[in-house]
Amino acid sequence: MQAARCPTDELSLTNCAVVSEKDLQSGQHVTVKTTPNHKFAFTVKTHHTVAPGSIAFSLPQRKWAGLSIGQEVEVSNYNFDKSRQCIGSMTIEIDFLQKKSTDSSPYDSDKMAAEFVQQFNNQAFSITQQLVFSFCDKLFGLMVKDIEAMDASILKGEPATGKKQKVGGLTGTTQIDVGLMVGNSQVVFEKAESSSLTLVGKAKTKEARQTIINPEWNFEKMGIGGLDREFSDIFRRAFASRVFPPDIVEQMGLAVEGHHACSAPPVV
């Protein structure tokens, strides 16, 4: 396919590559191979102005992927492994898109994070990815700094080590290069080093971020004494079944177990 310019400003804010409906379907995930050693994951949208055989990118997308208008690229379907690639948390560097439009008003990082997840739900994100984000009538330039996967091992009742590691393990802090944004993903904003942006709220520091379904839950510390290990594991898996996408829960056979666990009588 041939790289093209994003047809509208509105589409450039979607973080999607834009294609003809004759080529692909909206919501589909693809890999765009720009050179033999470089490929990038995108989620696509369709638009009637894009010619068949073309794939359109915004300026930040072209900058990130090193694309030029008219460049030939290889596009292939990309399937997420949702047991390993659902985003548990993602750290994003943020700054005003245009330096001349800066202001001193504080921006609520918690509302910003909620809006971000809503806008970009079920989309592909990658380390170093650049995009534009519209919030409170302001445009912000973003860059993805790190991504941690949800801990799918909890769904299987397996122990989680809680250690940070690269892809291969399934701990709550497994770092991944490409992930899928889901409704329960956590987003943390860090302002760029030289930025004049003022962030308030809890979603602005790594320290404030909690690992999705903390494998080190200690019920005694939470003031719930008398829970044995088995009940603790059941409780955690039941909670996990409410956090992970339904298809993953169903795939691992936890829908019924999660229901019974949540219906268990109180421990006194």
Protein backbone atom coordinates (compact mmCIF):
# COMPACT_ATOMS: atom_id res chain seq x y z
CA MET A 1 0.00 0.00 0.00
CA GLN A 2 1.01 3.63 -0.40
CA ALA A 3 1.35 6.07 2.50
CA ALA A 4 -0.84 9.17 2.24
CA ARG A 5 -1.69 12.27 4.26
CA CYS A 6 -4.57 12.04 6.77
CA PRO A 7 -7.62 13.53 4.99
CA THR A 8 -9.11 15.58 7.88
CA ASP A 9 -8.02 17.22 11.14
CA GLU A 10 -10.74 15.31 12.96
CA LEU A 11 -9.36 11.97 11.78
CA SER A 12 -5.83 13.00 12.77
CA LEU A 13 -7.04 13.11 16.39
CA THR A 14 -8.27 9.49 16.34
CA ASN A 15 -4.76 7.96 16.48
CA CYS A 16 -5.86 5.64 13.66
CA ALA A 17 -4.40 5.01 10.24
CA VAL A 18 -7.10 5.77 7.66
CA VAL A 19 -7.94 3.47 4.75
CA SER A 20 -10.58 2.77 2.13
CA GLU A 21 -13.42 0.49 3.21
CA LYS A 22 -12.59 -1.57 0.12
CA ASP A 23 -9.26 -2.55 1.71
CA LEU A 24 -9.86 -2.96 5.46
CA GLN A 25 -12.53 -2.59 8.15
CA SER A 26 -12.74 0.07 10.86
CA GLY A 27 -11.34 -1.20 14.15
CA GLN A 28 -9.01 -3.68 12.50
CA HIS A 29 -5.41 -3.78 13.76
CA VAL A 30 -2.53 -3.89 11.29
CA THR A 31 1.24 -3.96 11.13
CA VAL A 32 2.83 -1.44 8.77
CA LYS A 33 6.28 -2.54 7.61
CA THR A 34 8.31 0.46 6.45
CA THR A 35 11.68 -1.27 6.01
CA PRO A 36 12.81 -4.90 6.36
CA ASN A 37 13.65 -4.23 10.04
CA HIS A 38 10.99 -1.70 11.04
CA LYS A 39 7.29 -2.33 11.55
CA PHE A 40 4.61 -0.43 13.48
CA ALA A 41 1.19 -1.41 14.85
CA PHE A 42 -1.87 0.71 14.07
CA THR A 43 -5.62 0.50 14.43
CA VAL A 44 -7.46 1.61 11.29
CA LYS A 45 -10.52 3.65 10.42
CA THR A 46 -12.18 3.87 7.03
CA HIS A 47 -13.01 7.08 5.16
CA HIS A 48 -14.54 7.56 1.74
CA THR A 49 -11.88 10.07 0.63
CA VAL A 50 -9.01 7.60 0.92
CA ALA A 51 -8.26 5.85 -2.35
CA PRO A 52 -8.10 2.05 -2.42
CA GLY A 53 -4.51 0.93 -2.03
CA SER A 54 -3.62 3.93 0.15
CA ILE A 55 -3.18 4.17 3.92
CA ALA A 56 -3.26 7.67 5.43
CA PHE A 57 -1.33 8.87 8.47
CA SER A 58 -1.28 12.02 10.58
CA LEU A 59 1.91 14.06 10.92
CA PRO A 60 2.81 12.60 14.37
CA GLN A 61 2.26 9.09 13.01
CA ARG A 62 4.47 9.75 9.99
CA LYS A 63 7.15 11.26 12.23
CA TRP A 64 7.06 8.26 14.59
CA ALA A 65 7.19 5.65 11.83
CA GLY A 66 9.58 7.63 9.61
CA LEU A 67 7.07 7.69 6.76
CA SER A 68 6.95 9.98 3.76
CA ILE A 69 3.97 10.70 1.51
CA GLY A 70 3.84 8.24 -1.37
CA GLN A 71 6.11 5.70 0.31
CA GLU A 72 5.29 2.07 -0.38
CA VAL A 73 4.62 0.05 2.78
CA GLU A 74 3.68 -3.54 3.52
CA VAL A 75 0.44 -3.81 5.51
CA SER A 76 -0.62 -7.03 7.22
CA ASN A 77 -3.28 -8.01 9.75
CA TYR A 78 -2.26 -7.89 13.43
CA ASN A 79 -3.98 -10.04 16.04
CA PHE A 80 -3.53 -9.19 19.72
CA ASP A 81 -3.00 -11.98 22.22
CA LYS A 82 -5.38 -10.56 24.82
CA SER A 83 -4.07 -12.85 27.54
CA ARG A 84 -0.69 -11.14 27.22
CA GLN A 85 -1.19 -7.78 25.52
CA CYS A 86 -4.05 -5.98 27.30
CA ILE A 87 -2.64 -2.75 28.71
CA GLY A 88 -2.66 -2.72 32.50
CA SER A 89 -0.98 0.66 32.73
CA MET A 90 0.72 3.05 30.36
CA THR A 91 2.95 6.05 31.06
CA ILE A 92 2.65 8.93 28.61
CA GLU A 93 4.80 12.03 28.26
CA ILE A 94 2.65 15.11 27.62
CA ASP A 95 3.18 18.71 26.51
CA PHE A 96 1.26 21.41 24.71
CA LEU A 97 1.24 20.63 21.00
CA GLN A 98 2.00 24.23 20.09
CA LYS A 99 4.28 26.30 22.31
CA LYS A 100 2.42 29.50 21.46
CA SER A 101 -0.83 28.10 22.88
CA THR A 102 0.51 27.32 26.36
CA ASP A 103 -1.29 28.50 29.48
CA SER A 104 -0.85 28.30 33.24
CA SER A 105 -4.21 26.67 33.98
CA PRO A 106 -3.94 23.38 35.91
CA TYR A 107 -5.15 20.29 34.05
CA ASP A 108 -6.77 17.43 35.96
CA SER A 109 -4.73 14.34 35.11
CA ASP A 110 -7.45 12.00 36.44
CA LYS A 111 -10.10 13.43 34.10
CA MET A 112 -7.50 13.49 31.35
CA ALA A 113 -6.74 9.79 31.87
CA ALA A 114 -10.44 8.84 31.87
CA GLU A 115 -11.01 10.82 28.66
CA PHE A 116 -7.94 9.24 27.05
CA VAL A 117 -9.11 5.68 27.74
CA GLN A 118 -12.59 6.52 26.45
CA GLN A 119 -11.27 8.12 23.25
CA PHE A 120 -8.76 5.41 22.42
CA ASN A 121 -10.43 2.26 23.76
CA ASN A 122 -9.62 -0.92 21.80
CA GLN A 123 -6.69 0.72 20.00
CA ALA A 124 -3.10 -0.39 19.51
CA PHE A 125 -0.35 1.48 21.36
CA SER A 126 3.42 1.07 21.15
CA ILE A 127 6.47 2.28 23.04
CA THR A 128 7.74 5.65 21.63
CA GLN A 129 4.47 6.16 19.72
CA GLN A 130 3.54 9.80 19.11
CA LEU A 131 0.00 11.15 18.88
CA VAL A 132 -2.15 14.24 19.39
CA PHE A 133 -4.74 14.34 22.19
CA SER A 134 -7.60 16.86 22.43
CA PHE A 135 -8.68 17.74 25.97
CA CYS A 136 -10.62 20.79 27.22
CA ASP A 137 -10.34 22.41 23.78
CA LYS A 138 -6.54 22.18 23.91
CA LEU A 139 -4.27 20.04 21.78
CA PHE A 140 -1.49 18.10 23.47
CA GLY A 141 1.44 16.23 21.98
CA LEU A 142 1.92 12.79 23.56
CA MET A 143 4.62 10.14 23.50
CA VAL A 144 4.20 6.66 24.99
CA LYS A 145 7.03 5.97 27.45
CA ASP A 146 6.22 2.52 28.80
CA ILE A 147 3.47 -0.09 28.78
CA GLU A 148 2.74 -2.78 31.35
CA ALA A 149 0.45 -5.73 30.63
CA MET A 150 -2.44 -6.91 32.77
CA ASP A 151 -1.66 -10.02 34.80
CA ALA A 152 -3.60 -12.76 33.02
CA SER A 153 -1.98 -15.48 35.15
CA ILE A 154 -4.36 -14.49 37.95
CA LEU A 155 -7.27 -15.55 35.74
CA LYS A 156 -5.82 -19.06 35.65
CA GLY A 157 -5.26 -19.15 39.40
CA GLU A 158 -1.48 -19.14 38.93
CA PRO A 159 0.78 -17.29 41.37
CA ALA A 160 2.22 -13.98 40.18
CA THR A 161 5.73 -12.98 41.16
CA GLY A 162 5.15 -9.24 40.90
CA LYS A 163 8.63 -8.80 39.43
CA LYS A 164 9.13 -6.43 36.53
CA GLN A 165 10.17 -8.28 33.41
CA LYS A 166 9.98 -8.22 29.65
CA VAL A 167 7.45 -10.21 27.62
CA GLY A 168 7.61 -13.89 28.40
CA GLY A 169 6.20 -13.89 31.91
CA LEU A 170 2.67 -12.97 32.88
CA THR A 171 3.20 -10.88 35.98
CA GLY A 172 1.26 -7.75 36.78
CA THR A 173 4.26 -5.65 35.79
CA THR A 174 5.28 -7.39 32.57
CA GLN A 175 6.56 -4.74 30.20
CA ILE A 176 5.42 -4.99 26.60
CA ASP A 177 6.27 -3.07 23.43
CA VAL A 178 2.78 -3.19 21.89
CA GLY A 179 -0.50 -3.34 23.78
CA LEU A 180 -4.27 -3.03 23.41
CA MET A 181 -6.07 -0.26 25.30
CA VAL A 182 -9.09 -1.62 27.19
CA GLY A 183 -11.71 -0.02 29.40
CA ASN A 184 -9.85 -0.77 32.64
CA SER A 185 -6.38 0.29 31.47
CA GLN A 186 -4.68 2.86 33.69
CA VAL A 187 -2.98 5.88 32.16
CA VAL A 188 -0.34 8.02 33.87
CA PHE A 189 0.74 11.37 32.43
CA GLU A 190 4.22 12.79 32.94
CA LYS A 191 4.85 16.29 31.68
CA ALA A 192 7.76 16.69 29.29
CA GLU A 193 11.00 17.85 30.89
CA SER A 194 10.89 21.43 29.60
CA SER A 195 7.10 21.76 29.58
CA SER A 196 5.25 24.62 31.28
CA LEU A 197 2.16 22.40 31.62
CA THR A 198 0.65 22.16 35.11
CA LEU A 199 -0.86 18.78 36.01
CA VAL A 200 -2.92 18.05 39.12
CA GLY A 201 -4.57 14.84 40.32
CA LYS A 202 -3.30 11.35 40.99
CA ALA A 203 -2.66 10.24 37.39
CA LYS A 204 0.48 12.34 37.03
CA THR A 205 3.15 10.27 38.78
CA LYS A 206 4.30 6.69 38.53
CA GLU A 207 4.17 6.40 42.30
CA ALA A 208 0.41 6.97 42.21
CA ARG A 209 -0.14 4.14 39.75
CA GLN A 210 -1.42 0.86 41.13
CA THR A 211 -0.72 -2.43 39.42
CA ILE A 212 -3.96 -3.88 38.04
CA ILE A 213 -5.00 -6.65 40.42
CA ASN A 214 -2.00 -6.45 42.73
CA PRO A 215 -0.63 -9.98 43.14
CA GLU A 216 0.66 -9.04 46.59
CA TRP A 217 -2.75 -8.28 48.09
CA ASN A 218 -2.59 -8.75 51.87
CA PHE A 219 -6.08 -8.98 53.29
CA GLU A 220 -4.90 -8.57 56.88
CA LYS A 221 -3.30 -5.25 55.98
CA MET A 222 -6.58 -4.30 54.32
CA GLY A 223 -8.37 -4.98 57.62
CA ILE A 224 -9.99 -8.21 56.44
CA GLY A 225 -8.56 -10.89 58.71
CA GLY A 226 -9.26 -14.61 58.66
CA LEU A 227 -9.07 -15.14 54.89
CA ASP A 228 -7.05 -18.18 53.93
CA ARG A 229 -4.92 -18.44 50.79
CA GLU A 230 -7.57 -20.30 48.79
CA PHE A 231 -10.24 -17.67 49.46
CA SER A 232 -7.73 -14.94 48.70
CA ASP A 233 -6.99 -16.47 45.30
CA ILE A 234 -10.71 -16.91 44.53
CA PHE A 235 -11.40 -13.31 45.49
CA ARG A 236 -8.55 -12.06 43.31
CA ARG A 237 -9.69 -14.09 40.30
CA ALA A 238 -13.26 -12.89 40.76
CA PHE A 239 -12.04 -9.30 40.77
CA ALA A 240 -9.86 -10.02 37.74
CA SER A 241 -12.88 -11.35 35.87
CA ARG A 242 -14.45 -7.89 36.21
CA VAL A 243 -11.32 -6.15 34.94
CA PHE A 244 -10.27 -8.20 31.93
CA PRO A 245 -12.18 -8.13 28.61
CA PRO A 246 -15.14 -10.60 28.68
CA ASP A 247 -13.74 -12.73 25.86
CA ILE A 248 -10.56 -13.41 27.85
CA VAL A 249 -12.54 -14.32 30.97
CA GLU A 250 -14.73 -16.65 28.92
CA GLN A 251 -11.70 -18.16 27.20
CA MET A 252 -10.22 -19.06 30.58
CA GLY A 253 -13.52 -20.36 31.95
CA LEU A 254 -13.89 -17.93 34.82
CA ALA A 255 -17.34 -16.45 34.28
CA VAL A 256 -19.12 -18.94 36.54
CA GLU A 257 -16.37 -19.12 39.14
CA GLY A 258 -16.21 -15.33 39.34
CA HIS A 259 -19.96 -15.18 39.94
CA HIS A 260 -19.88 -17.71 42.75
CA ALA A 261 -16.87 -16.05 44.36
CA CYS A 262 -18.59 -12.69 44.47
CA SER A 263 -21.67 -14.34 45.94
CA ALA A 264 -19.76 -15.96 48.79
CA PRO A 265 -21.03 -15.26 52.31
CA PRO A 266 -19.15 -12.65 54.34
CA VAL A 267 -16.29 -13.81 56.53
CA VAL A 268 -16.65 -12.85 60.19
